[in-house]
Amino acid sequence: MSADVKSPPGSAADPVVDLATLRVDIDRIDQEMHELLIERSAIIDKLIAIKARQGGGSAFRPGREADMMRRIAMRHRGLLPLDTVEGIWRIIISTFTYVQAPYSVHVDTAAGDAMMRDSARFHFGFTVPFIPHYGALGVIDAVQASQGDLGMVRMDSGAMALPWWHRLAPPEAPKIIARLPFVERPDHPAGVPAFVLSLPLAEAASRDVVIYEASILRWRDALPELVGRAGGEILGNVGSELGLSILLAMPGNVPLADLKALFVQAGHRDVRLAEIGSHAARHQVHRHPAPAEVSADT
């Protein structure tokens, strides 16, 4: 190669691009990001005014939020960890929702405060108030009594758990609107499986996955395989006054009549089914490689 060939402008070998110039670029980008957040807040202010004229409406739109997070995860690239990108956008979404209509997050911390607190802070940030409760029933009661708060409950509440999902069966009771974490991957920093609860939403609830409570007299071994063949999942089962209460996730395109038929096929002719919520299908990604060590010039 000829020695006269020059490195392209902006390459690592270009002596014109020095550290001072790169730091100026970083400062410019930081300012632009801040200005964009301010611009976003101005749009939210207009949105609040329009909703007020139209009679209000829920600030929670889990279907739209899931679409946003899916697009972010799919287009992400570069050395910045996806964990950081997801956390930033989660805080932006949750905080601007809070600006529209203040709310608190009631969290079941009975099985261990640290993991659920980390998950709540990762997904909702520090602006949204965090209210701990000892057990899922306390969370459900708090959401039921609120004007629009959210609840977080563990999917697995331990061997001594009560069938908390039974409390979601009445039409006016809180319902499941999301499953966390949404962007599913190994070693997620807030990976404890949890459901988000809210008062029933009139719109914008994703129905990719529908959650049911099934009440049966006793367990039959054929049921998990039949549910699995239909694309569903048994998430929990706890003894109840009626025999056994099952927490069940099914694809949203499976009709209720077909679900009942699965139970009959398994030998459950007296099953009682109640829809207790729905959520978006989670987005699966492979683990991003750890970034190489860099200097502290950020």
C-alpha atoms as a PDB file:
ATOM      1  CA  MET A   1       0.000   0.000   0.000  1.00  0.00           C
ATOM      2  CA  SER A   2       1.285   3.475  -0.850  1.00  0.00           C
ATOM      3  CA  ALA A   3       2.458   5.565   2.089  1.00  0.00           C
ATOM      4  CA  ASP A   4       0.582   8.528   0.582  1.00  0.00           C
ATOM      5  CA  VAL A   5      -2.828   6.985   1.364  1.00  0.00           C
ATOM      6  CA  LYS A   6      -4.467   9.082   4.084  1.00  0.00           C
ATOM      7  CA  SER A   7      -6.798   7.878   6.819  1.00  0.00           C
ATOM      8  CA  PRO A   8     -10.403   8.914   6.311  1.00  0.00           C
ATOM      9  CA  PRO A   9     -11.469  11.987   8.282  1.00  0.00           C
ATOM     10  CA  GLY A  10     -12.831  11.075  11.695  1.00  0.00           C
ATOM     11  CA  SER A  11     -11.030   7.725  11.885  1.00  0.00           C
ATOM     12  CA  ALA A  12      -9.010   6.711  14.937  1.00  0.00           C
ATOM     13  CA  ALA A  13      -5.807   7.372  12.964  1.00  0.00           C
ATOM     14  CA  ASP A  14      -6.812  10.919  11.968  1.00  0.00           C
ATOM     15  CA  PRO A  15      -4.656  13.302  14.058  1.00  0.00           C
ATOM     16  CA  VAL A  16      -7.176  16.121  13.548  1.00  0.00           C
ATOM     17  CA  VAL A  17      -9.714  14.337  15.729  1.00  0.00           C
ATOM     18  CA  ASP A  18      -8.295  14.665  19.235  1.00  0.00           C
ATOM     19  CA  LEU A  19      -9.749  14.082  22.687  1.00  0.00           C
ATOM     20  CA  ALA A  20     -10.807  17.708  23.090  1.00  0.00           C
ATOM     21  CA  THR A  21     -12.875  17.529  19.904  1.00  0.00           C
ATOM     22  CA  LEU A  22     -14.531  14.279  20.998  1.00  0.00           C
ATOM     23  CA  ARG A  23     -15.415  15.793  24.350  1.00  0.00           C
ATOM     24  CA  VAL A  24     -16.985  18.768  22.600  1.00  0.00           C
ATOM     25  CA  ASP A  25     -19.088  16.301  20.583  1.00  0.00           C
ATOM     26  CA  ILE A  26     -20.154  14.526  23.774  1.00  0.00           C
ATOM     27  CA  ASP A  27     -21.208  17.825  25.359  1.00  0.00           C
ATOM     28  CA  ARG A  28     -23.169  18.732  22.219  1.00  0.00           C
ATOM     29  CA  ILE A  29     -24.983  15.396  22.200  1.00  0.00           C
ATOM     30  CA  ASP A  30     -25.767  15.665  25.924  1.00  0.00           C
ATOM     31  CA  GLN A  31     -27.295  19.107  25.368  1.00  0.00           C
ATOM     32  CA  GLU A  32     -29.328  17.839  22.406  1.00  0.00           C
ATOM     33  CA  MET A  33     -30.661  14.918  24.447  1.00  0.00           C
ATOM     34  CA  HIS A  34     -31.695  17.295  27.214  1.00  0.00           C
ATOM     35  CA  GLU A  35     -33.393  19.625  24.743  1.00  0.00           C
ATOM     36  CA  LEU A  36     -35.285  16.673  23.266  1.00  0.00           C
ATOM     37  CA  LEU A  37     -36.535  15.682  26.720  1.00  0.00           C
ATOM     38  CA  ILE A  38     -37.733  19.246  27.238  1.00  0.00           C
ATOM     39  CA  GLU A  39     -39.462  19.112  23.845  1.00  0.00           C
ATOM     40  CA  ARG A  40     -41.063  15.803  24.813  1.00  0.00           C
ATOM     41  CA  SER A  41     -42.374  17.342  28.032  1.00  0.00           C
ATOM     42  CA  ALA A  42     -43.951  20.188  26.031  1.00  0.00           C
ATOM     43  CA  ILE A  43     -45.802  17.630  23.898  1.00  0.00           C
ATOM     44  CA  ILE A  44     -46.973  15.825  27.040  1.00  0.00           C
ATOM     45  CA  ASP A  45     -48.275  19.174  28.334  1.00  0.00           C
ATOM     46  CA  LYS A  46     -50.383  19.512  25.179  1.00  0.00           C
ATOM     47  CA  LEU A  47     -51.533  15.903  25.563  1.00  0.00           C
ATOM     48  CA  ILE A  48     -52.725  16.621  29.110  1.00  0.00           C
ATOM     49  CA  ALA A  49     -54.728  19.610  27.900  1.00  0.00           C
ATOM     50  CA  ILE A  50     -56.348  17.608  25.073  1.00  0.00           C
ATOM     51  CA  LYS A  51     -57.266  14.740  27.410  1.00  0.00           C
ATOM     52  CA  ALA A  52     -58.788  17.213  29.880  1.00  0.00           C
ATOM     53  CA  ARG A  53     -61.024  18.622  27.140  1.00  0.00           C
ATOM     54  CA  GLN A  54     -62.041  15.113  26.087  1.00  0.00           C
ATOM     55  CA  GLY A  55     -62.970  14.030  29.601  1.00  0.00           C
ATOM     56  CA  GLY A  56     -59.708  12.444  30.692  1.00  0.00           C
ATOM     57  CA  GLY A  57     -58.691   8.822  30.298  1.00  0.00           C
ATOM     58  CA  SER A  58     -56.069   6.474  31.627  1.00  0.00           C
ATOM     59  CA  ALA A  59     -52.437   7.530  31.294  1.00  0.00           C
ATOM     60  CA  PHE A  60     -51.378   3.869  31.219  1.00  0.00           C
ATOM     61  CA  ARG A  61     -51.095   2.406  27.735  1.00  0.00           C
ATOM     62  CA  PRO A  62     -49.318  -0.935  28.149  1.00  0.00           C
ATOM     63  CA  GLY A  63     -49.821  -1.961  24.523  1.00  0.00           C
ATOM     64  CA  ARG A  64     -48.135   1.175  23.191  1.00  0.00           C
ATOM     65  CA  GLU A  65     -45.387   0.922  25.796  1.00  0.00           C
ATOM     66  CA  ALA A  66     -44.653  -2.665  24.748  1.00  0.00           C
ATOM     67  CA  ASP A  67     -44.413  -1.603  21.087  1.00  0.00           C
ATOM     68  CA  MET A  68     -41.980   1.172  22.009  1.00  0.00           C
ATOM     69  CA  MET A  69     -39.747  -1.110  24.057  1.00  0.00           C
ATOM     70  CA  ARG A  70     -39.759  -3.783  21.342  1.00  0.00           C
ATOM     71  CA  ARG A  71     -38.624  -1.265  18.717  1.00  0.00           C
ATOM     72  CA  ILE A  72     -35.890   0.055  21.031  1.00  0.00           C
ATOM     73  CA  ALA A  73     -34.538  -3.432  21.709  1.00  0.00           C
ATOM     74  CA  MET A  74     -34.585  -4.362  18.011  1.00  0.00           C
ATOM     75  CA  ARG A  75     -32.760  -1.284  16.763  1.00  0.00           C
ATOM     76  CA  HIS A  76     -30.175  -1.048  19.561  1.00  0.00           C
ATOM     77  CA  ARG A  77     -26.516  -1.406  18.623  1.00  0.00           C
ATOM     78  CA  GLY A  78     -23.108  -0.321  19.849  1.00  0.00           C
ATOM     79  CA  LEU A  79     -21.227  -0.775  23.104  1.00  0.00           C
ATOM     80  CA  LEU A  80     -23.858   0.770  25.394  1.00  0.00           C
ATOM     81  CA  PRO A  81     -25.487  -2.170  27.238  1.00  0.00           C
ATOM     82  CA  LEU A  82     -29.109  -2.891  26.431  1.00  0.00           C
ATOM     83  CA  ASP A  83     -29.740  -2.928  30.195  1.00  0.00           C
ATOM     84  CA  THR A  84     -28.882   0.781  30.333  1.00  0.00           C
ATOM     85  CA  VAL A  85     -30.939   1.684  27.277  1.00  0.00           C
ATOM     86  CA  GLU A  86     -33.981  -0.199  28.548  1.00  0.00           C
ATOM     87  CA  GLY A  87     -33.644   1.374  32.003  1.00  0.00           C
ATOM     88  CA  ILE A  88     -33.415   4.902  30.577  1.00  0.00           C
ATOM     89  CA  TRP A  89     -36.506   4.476  28.428  1.00  0.00           C
ATOM     90  CA  ARG A  90     -38.443   2.806  31.228  1.00  0.00           C
ATOM     91  CA  ILE A  91     -37.779   5.802  33.468  1.00  0.00           C
ATOM     92  CA  ILE A  92     -38.704   8.247  30.692  1.00  0.00           C
ATOM     93  CA  ILE A  93     -41.994   6.472  29.973  1.00  0.00           C
ATOM     94  CA  SER A  94     -42.929   5.992  33.640  1.00  0.00           C
ATOM     95  CA  THR A  95     -42.009   9.538  34.646  1.00  0.00           C
ATOM     96  CA  PHE A  96     -43.907  11.198  31.814  1.00  0.00           C
ATOM     97  CA  THR A  97     -46.900   8.988  32.657  1.00  0.00           C
ATOM     98  CA  TYR A  98     -46.578  10.226  36.243  1.00  0.00           C
ATOM     99  CA  VAL A  99     -46.500  13.831  34.977  1.00  0.00           C
ATOM    100  CA  GLN A 100     -49.794  13.215  33.161  1.00  0.00           C
ATOM    101  CA  ALA A 101     -51.492  11.619  36.178  1.00  0.00           C
ATOM    102  CA  PRO A 102     -49.552  11.106  39.450  1.00  0.00           C
ATOM    103  CA  TYR A 103     -49.591   7.537  40.722  1.00  0.00           C
ATOM    104  CA  SER A 104     -47.762   5.259  43.148  1.00  0.00           C
ATOM    105  CA  VAL A 105     -46.440   1.721  42.709  1.00  0.00           C
ATOM    106  CA  HIS A 106     -47.484  -0.727  45.434  1.00  0.00           C
ATOM    107  CA  VAL A 107     -45.024  -3.621  45.610  1.00  0.00           C
ATOM    108  CA  ASP A 108     -45.224  -7.049  47.225  1.00  0.00           C
ATOM    109  CA  THR A 109     -41.971  -7.353  49.186  1.00  0.00           C
ATOM    110  CA  ALA A 110     -42.917 -10.397  51.287  1.00  0.00           C
ATOM    111  CA  ALA A 111     -40.488 -12.734  49.512  1.00  0.00           C
ATOM    112  CA  GLY A 112     -37.524 -10.377  49.750  1.00  0.00           C
ATOM    113  CA  ASP A 113     -37.351  -6.620  49.579  1.00  0.00           C
ATOM    114  CA  ALA A 114     -34.164  -6.176  47.554  1.00  0.00           C
ATOM    115  CA  MET A 115     -35.132  -7.907  44.298  1.00  0.00           C
ATOM    116  CA  MET A 116     -38.615  -6.406  44.053  1.00  0.00           C
ATOM    117  CA  ARG A 117     -37.338  -2.966  45.016  1.00  0.00           C
ATOM    118  CA  ASP A 118     -34.646  -3.201  42.328  1.00  0.00           C
ATOM    119  CA  SER A 119     -37.243  -4.260  39.757  1.00  0.00           C
ATOM    120  CA  ALA A 120     -39.612  -1.441  40.710  1.00  0.00           C
ATOM    121  CA  ARG A 121     -36.859   1.178  40.521  1.00  0.00           C
ATOM    122  CA  PHE A 122     -35.578  -0.206  37.204  1.00  0.00           C
ATOM    123  CA  HIS A 123     -39.008  -0.085  35.596  1.00  0.00           C
ATOM    124  CA  PHE A 124     -40.476   3.022  37.270  1.00  0.00           C
ATOM    125  CA  GLY A 125     -37.510   5.098  38.438  1.00  0.00           C
ATOM    126  CA  PHE A 126     -37.359   7.208  41.602  1.00  0.00           C
ATOM    127  CA  THR A 127     -39.938   9.887  40.785  1.00  0.00           C
ATOM    128  CA  VAL A 128     -42.870   7.482  41.059  1.00  0.00           C
ATOM    129  CA  PRO A 129     -43.530   6.763  44.780  1.00  0.00           C
ATOM    130  CA  PHE A 130     -42.684   3.229  45.929  1.00  0.00           C
ATOM    131  CA  ILE A 131     -44.991   1.720  48.599  1.00  0.00           C
ATOM    132  CA  PRO A 132     -44.040  -1.730  50.003  1.00  0.00           C
ATOM    133  CA  HIS A 133     -46.604  -4.278  51.184  1.00  0.00           C
ATOM    134  CA  TYR A 134     -46.154  -7.608  52.917  1.00  0.00           C
ATOM    135  CA  GLY A 135     -47.968  -9.859  50.493  1.00  0.00           C
ATOM    136  CA  ALA A 136     -49.872  -9.670  47.219  1.00  0.00           C
ATOM    137  CA  LEU A 137     -53.262  -9.230  48.884  1.00  0.00           C
ATOM    138  CA  GLY A 138     -52.166  -5.934  50.398  1.00  0.00           C
ATOM    139  CA  VAL A 139     -51.042  -4.755  46.963  1.00  0.00           C
ATOM    140  CA  ILE A 140     -54.388  -5.689  45.408  1.00  0.00           C
ATOM    141  CA  ASP A 141     -56.325  -3.904  48.164  1.00  0.00           C
ATOM    142  CA  ALA A 142     -54.216  -0.751  47.750  1.00  0.00           C
ATOM    143  CA  VAL A 143     -54.694  -0.654  43.960  1.00  0.00           C
ATOM    144  CA  GLN A 144     -58.425  -1.311  44.398  1.00  0.00           C
ATOM    145  CA  ALA A 145     -58.764   1.619  46.805  1.00  0.00           C
ATOM    146  CA  SER A 146     -56.664   4.031  44.713  1.00  0.00           C
ATOM    147  CA  GLN A 147     -57.568   6.474  41.973  1.00  0.00           C
ATOM    148  CA  GLY A 148     -55.125   4.926  39.505  1.00  0.00           C
ATOM    149  CA  ASP A 149     -52.101   3.404  41.231  1.00  0.00           C
ATOM    150  CA  LEU A 150     -50.189   0.377  39.964  1.00  0.00           C
ATOM    151  CA  GLY A 151     -49.255  -2.813  41.786  1.00  0.00           C
ATOM    152  CA  MET A 152     -46.356  -5.257  41.376  1.00  0.00           C
ATOM    153  CA  VAL A 153     -46.659  -8.855  42.554  1.00  0.00           C
ATOM    154  CA  ARG A 154     -44.315 -11.777  42.138  1.00  0.00           C
ATOM    155  CA  MET A 155     -45.440 -14.548  39.837  1.00  0.00           C
ATOM    156  CA  ASP A 156     -43.937 -17.057  42.290  1.00  0.00           C
ATOM    157  CA  SER A 157     -44.829 -16.058  45.837  1.00  0.00           C
ATOM    158  CA  GLY A 158     -43.439 -19.188  47.485  1.00  0.00           C
ATOM    159  CA  ALA A 159     -44.759 -22.515  48.726  1.00  0.00           C
ATOM    160  CA  MET A 160     -46.929 -20.914  51.443  1.00  0.00           C
ATOM    161  CA  ALA A 161     -48.563 -18.410  49.073  1.00  0.00           C
ATOM    162  CA  LEU A 162     -52.278 -17.774  48.924  1.00  0.00           C
ATOM    163  CA  PRO A 163     -54.108 -17.807  45.568  1.00  0.00           C
ATOM    164  CA  TRP A 164     -53.905 -14.009  45.325  1.00  0.00           C
ATOM    165  CA  TRP A 165     -55.060 -14.075  41.701  1.00  0.00           C
ATOM    166  CA  HIS A 166     -58.520 -15.190  42.874  1.00  0.00           C
ATOM    167  CA  ARG A 167     -59.047 -11.620  44.116  1.00  0.00           C
ATOM    168  CA  LEU A 168     -58.743 -10.354  40.521  1.00  0.00           C
ATOM    169  CA  ALA A 169     -61.735 -12.335  39.236  1.00  0.00           C
ATOM    170  CA  PRO A 170     -64.600  -9.844  39.898  1.00  0.00           C
ATOM    171  CA  PRO A 171     -65.130  -7.468  36.931  1.00  0.00           C
ATOM    172  CA  GLU A 172     -64.438  -4.356  39.022  1.00  0.00           C
ATOM    173  CA  ALA A 173     -61.281  -5.802  40.642  1.00  0.00           C
ATOM    174  CA  PRO A 174     -57.741  -4.837  39.547  1.00  0.00           C
ATOM    175  CA  LYS A 175     -56.405  -6.701  36.524  1.00  0.00           C
ATOM    176  CA  ILE A 176     -52.999  -7.784  35.208  1.00  0.00           C
ATOM    177  CA  ILE A 177     -51.821  -5.364  32.491  1.00  0.00           C
ATOM    178  CA  ALA A 178     -48.133  -6.291  32.055  1.00  0.00           C
ATOM    179  CA  ARG A 179     -45.545  -8.962  32.769  1.00  0.00           C
ATOM    180  CA  LEU A 180     -42.025  -7.912  33.767  1.00  0.00           C
ATOM    181  CA  PRO A 181     -39.378  -7.963  32.556  1.00  0.00           C
ATOM    182  CA  PHE A 182     -40.743  -7.303  29.083  1.00  0.00           C
ATOM    183  CA  VAL A 183     -37.380  -7.479  27.280  1.00  0.00           C
ATOM    184  CA  GLU A 184     -36.460 -11.011  28.305  1.00  0.00           C
ATOM    185  CA  ARG A 185     -32.801 -12.021  28.356  1.00  0.00           C
ATOM    186  CA  PRO A 186     -30.308 -13.911  30.521  1.00  0.00           C
ATOM    187  CA  ASP A 187     -28.846 -12.010  33.489  1.00  0.00           C
ATOM    188  CA  HIS A 188     -31.433  -9.236  33.359  1.00  0.00           C
ATOM    189  CA  PRO A 189     -30.593  -6.748  36.145  1.00  0.00           C
ATOM    190  CA  ALA A 190     -34.262  -6.641  37.178  1.00  0.00           C
ATOM    191  CA  GLY A 191     -35.221 -10.137  36.117  1.00  0.00           C
ATOM    192  CA  VAL A 192     -37.561 -11.247  38.912  1.00  0.00           C
ATOM    193  CA  PRO A 193     -40.785 -12.395  37.151  1.00  0.00           C
ATOM    194  CA  ALA A 194     -43.616 -10.093  38.177  1.00  0.00           C
ATOM    195  CA  PHE A 195     -47.035  -8.911  37.105  1.00  0.00           C
ATOM    196  CA  VAL A 196     -48.190  -5.289  36.984  1.00  0.00           C
ATOM    197  CA  LEU A 197     -51.736  -4.648  38.200  1.00  0.00           C
ATOM    198  CA  SER A 198     -54.066  -1.696  37.655  1.00  0.00           C
ATOM    199  CA  LEU A 199     -57.724  -0.888  37.858  1.00  0.00           C
ATOM    200  CA  PRO A 200     -59.489  -2.200  34.717  1.00  0.00           C
ATOM    201  CA  LEU A 201     -58.407  -0.282  31.610  1.00  0.00           C
ATOM    202  CA  ALA A 202     -60.981   0.778  29.044  1.00  0.00           C
ATOM    203  CA  GLU A 203     -58.420   0.707  26.237  1.00  0.00           C
ATOM    204  CA  ALA A 204     -54.811   0.063  25.264  1.00  0.00           C
ATOM    205  CA  ALA A 205     -54.467  -3.236  27.121  1.00  0.00           C
ATOM    206  CA  SER A 206     -52.496  -5.679  24.980  1.00  0.00           C
ATOM    207  CA  ARG A 207     -54.087  -9.118  24.584  1.00  0.00           C
ATOM    208  CA  ASP A 208     -51.173 -11.096  23.156  1.00  0.00           C
ATOM    209  CA  VAL A 209     -51.374 -13.225  26.311  1.00  0.00           C
ATOM    210  CA  VAL A 210     -54.540 -13.594  28.396  1.00  0.00           C
ATOM    211  CA  ILE A 211     -54.339 -14.573  32.078  1.00  0.00           C
ATOM    212  CA  TYR A 212     -57.012 -16.746  33.701  1.00  0.00           C
ATOM    213  CA  GLU A 213     -57.855 -18.152  37.075  1.00  0.00           C
ATOM    214  CA  ALA A 214     -59.088 -21.735  36.823  1.00  0.00           C
ATOM    215  CA  SER A 215     -60.831 -23.365  39.799  1.00  0.00           C
ATOM    216  CA  ILE A 216     -60.869 -27.175  39.791  1.00  0.00           C
ATOM    217  CA  LEU A 217     -61.505 -29.877  42.384  1.00  0.00           C
ATOM    218  CA  ARG A 218     -58.129 -31.587  42.129  1.00  0.00           C
ATOM    219  CA  TRP A 219     -54.980 -31.828  40.011  1.00  0.00           C
ATOM    220  CA  ARG A 220     -54.817 -34.059  36.925  1.00  0.00           C
ATOM    221  CA  ASP A 221     -51.461 -34.803  35.318  1.00  0.00           C
ATOM    222  CA  ALA A 222     -52.768 -34.519  31.751  1.00  0.00           C
ATOM    223  CA  LEU A 223     -53.509 -30.797  32.111  1.00  0.00           C
ATOM    224  CA  PRO A 224     -49.999 -29.248  31.734  1.00  0.00           C
ATOM    225  CA  GLU A 225     -49.284 -31.114  28.491  1.00  0.00           C
ATOM    226  CA  LEU A 226     -52.639 -30.146  26.972  1.00  0.00           C
ATOM    227  CA  VAL A 227     -52.178 -26.511  27.959  1.00  0.00           C
ATOM    228  CA  GLY A 228     -48.633 -26.543  26.548  1.00  0.00           C
ATOM    229  CA  ARG A 229     -49.792 -27.931  23.207  1.00  0.00           C
ATOM    230  CA  ALA A 230     -52.149 -24.958  22.912  1.00  0.00           C
ATOM    231  CA  GLY A 231     -49.270 -22.551  23.545  1.00  0.00           C
ATOM    232  CA  GLY A 232     -50.213 -21.851  27.166  1.00  0.00           C
ATOM    233  CA  GLU A 233     -48.423 -22.070  30.498  1.00  0.00           C
ATOM    234  CA  ILE A 234     -49.483 -22.949  34.038  1.00  0.00           C
ATOM    235  CA  LEU A 235     -47.852 -20.281  36.204  1.00  0.00           C
ATOM    236  CA  GLY A 236     -49.011 -21.393  39.633  1.00  0.00           C
ATOM    237  CA  ASN A 237     -51.431 -23.574  41.552  1.00  0.00           C
ATOM    238  CA  VAL A 238     -52.509 -23.250  45.168  1.00  0.00           C
ATOM    239  CA  GLY A 239     -55.109 -24.994  47.265  1.00  0.00           C
ATOM    240  CA  SER A 240     -58.361 -23.077  47.787  1.00  0.00           C
ATOM    241  CA  GLU A 241     -61.778 -23.521  49.377  1.00  0.00           C
ATOM    242  CA  LEU A 242     -62.987 -24.953  46.050  1.00  0.00           C
ATOM    243  CA  GLY A 243     -60.117 -27.429  45.723  1.00  0.00           C
ATOM    244  CA  LEU A 244     -57.318 -25.977  43.566  1.00  0.00           C
ATOM    245  CA  SER A 245     -56.835 -22.505  42.065  1.00  0.00           C
ATOM    246  CA  ILE A 246     -54.638 -22.345  38.953  1.00  0.00           C
ATOM    247  CA  LEU A 247     -52.949 -19.283  37.443  1.00  0.00           C
ATOM    248  CA  LEU A 248     -52.921 -19.800  33.694  1.00  0.00           C
ATOM    249  CA  ALA A 249     -51.473 -17.880  30.719  1.00  0.00           C
ATOM    250  CA  MET A 250     -52.877 -18.553  27.253  1.00  0.00           C
ATOM    251  CA  PRO A 251     -52.340 -17.034  23.785  1.00  0.00           C
ATOM    252  CA  GLY A 252     -54.886 -14.309  23.175  1.00  0.00           C
ATOM    253  CA  ASN A 253     -56.197 -16.039  20.046  1.00  0.00           C
ATOM    254  CA  VAL A 254     -57.383 -19.133  21.967  1.00  0.00           C
ATOM    255  CA  PRO A 255     -61.167 -18.828  22.457  1.00  0.00           C
ATOM    256  CA  LEU A 256     -62.565 -19.396  25.933  1.00  0.00           C
ATOM    257  CA  ALA A 257     -64.617 -22.333  24.632  1.00  0.00           C
ATOM    258  CA  ASP A 258     -61.441 -24.036  23.384  1.00  0.00           C
ATOM    259  CA  LEU A 259     -59.762 -23.488  26.760  1.00  0.00           C
ATOM    260  CA  LYS A 260     -62.695 -25.065  28.558  1.00  0.00           C
ATOM    261  CA  ALA A 261     -62.472 -28.006  26.162  1.00  0.00           C
ATOM    262  CA  LEU A 262     -58.839 -28.561  27.205  1.00  0.00           C
ATOM    263  CA  PHE A 263     -59.909 -28.900  30.824  1.00  0.00           C
ATOM    264  CA  VAL A 264     -62.694 -31.305  29.890  1.00  0.00           C
ATOM    265  CA  GLN A 265     -60.210 -33.356  27.890  1.00  0.00           C
ATOM    266  CA  ALA A 266     -57.955 -33.512  30.961  1.00  0.00           C
ATOM    267  CA  GLY A 267     -60.887 -34.755  33.062  1.00  0.00           C
ATOM    268  CA  HIS A 268     -62.063 -31.484  34.621  1.00  0.00           C
ATOM    269  CA  ARG A 269     -65.764 -31.218  33.796  1.00  0.00           C
ATOM    270  CA  ASP A 270     -66.598 -28.685  36.493  1.00  0.00           C
ATOM    271  CA  VAL A 271     -63.875 -26.080  35.839  1.00  0.00           C
ATOM    272  CA  ARG A 272     -64.591 -22.428  36.582  1.00  0.00           C
ATOM    273  CA  LEU A 273     -62.642 -19.933  34.467  1.00  0.00           C
ATOM    274  CA  ALA A 274     -62.276 -16.200  35.043  1.00  0.00           C
ATOM    275  CA  GLU A 275     -60.217 -13.796  32.925  1.00  0.00           C
ATOM    276  CA  ILE A 276     -58.040 -11.721  35.264  1.00  0.00           C
ATOM    277  CA  GLY A 277     -55.953  -9.704  32.829  1.00  0.00           C
ATOM    278  CA  SER A 278     -53.721  -9.735  29.778  1.00  0.00           C
ATOM    279  CA  HIS A 279     -50.340  -8.489  28.623  1.00  0.00           C
ATOM    280  CA  ALA A 280     -48.051  -8.105  25.617  1.00  0.00           C
ATOM    281  CA  ALA A 281     -45.921 -11.009  24.458  1.00  0.00           C
ATOM    282  CA  ARG A 282     -42.427 -10.529  25.851  1.00  0.00           C
ATOM    283  CA  HIS A 283     -39.540  -9.673  23.541  1.00  0.00           C
ATOM    284  CA  GLN A 284     -36.705 -12.213  23.686  1.00  0.00           C
ATOM    285  CA  VAL A 285     -33.131 -11.136  22.992  1.00  0.00           C
ATOM    286  CA  HIS A 286     -29.793 -12.842  23.332  1.00  0.00           C
ATOM    287  CA  ARG A 287     -27.366 -11.562  25.910  1.00  0.00           C
ATOM    288  CA  HIS A 288     -25.252  -8.678  24.627  1.00  0.00           C
ATOM    289  CA  PRO A 289     -21.492  -9.154  25.082  1.00  0.00           C
ATOM    290  CA  ALA A 290     -19.912  -7.127  27.885  1.00  0.00           C
ATOM    291  CA  PRO A 291     -18.332  -3.933  26.555  1.00  0.00           C
ATOM    292  CA  ALA A 292     -14.567  -3.582  26.615  1.00  0.00           C
ATOM    293  CA  GLU A 293     -13.093  -1.416  29.333  1.00  0.00           C
ATOM    294  CA  VAL A 294     -12.976   2.231  28.363  1.00  0.00           C
ATOM    295  CA  SER A 295     -11.675   5.369  30.002  1.00  0.00           C
ATOM    296  CA  ALA A 296     -13.785   7.617  32.177  1.00  0.00           C
ATOM    297  CA  ASP A 297     -14.324  10.201  29.395  1.00  0.00           C
ATOM    298  CA  THR A 298     -18.125  10.186  29.368  1.00  0.00           C
END
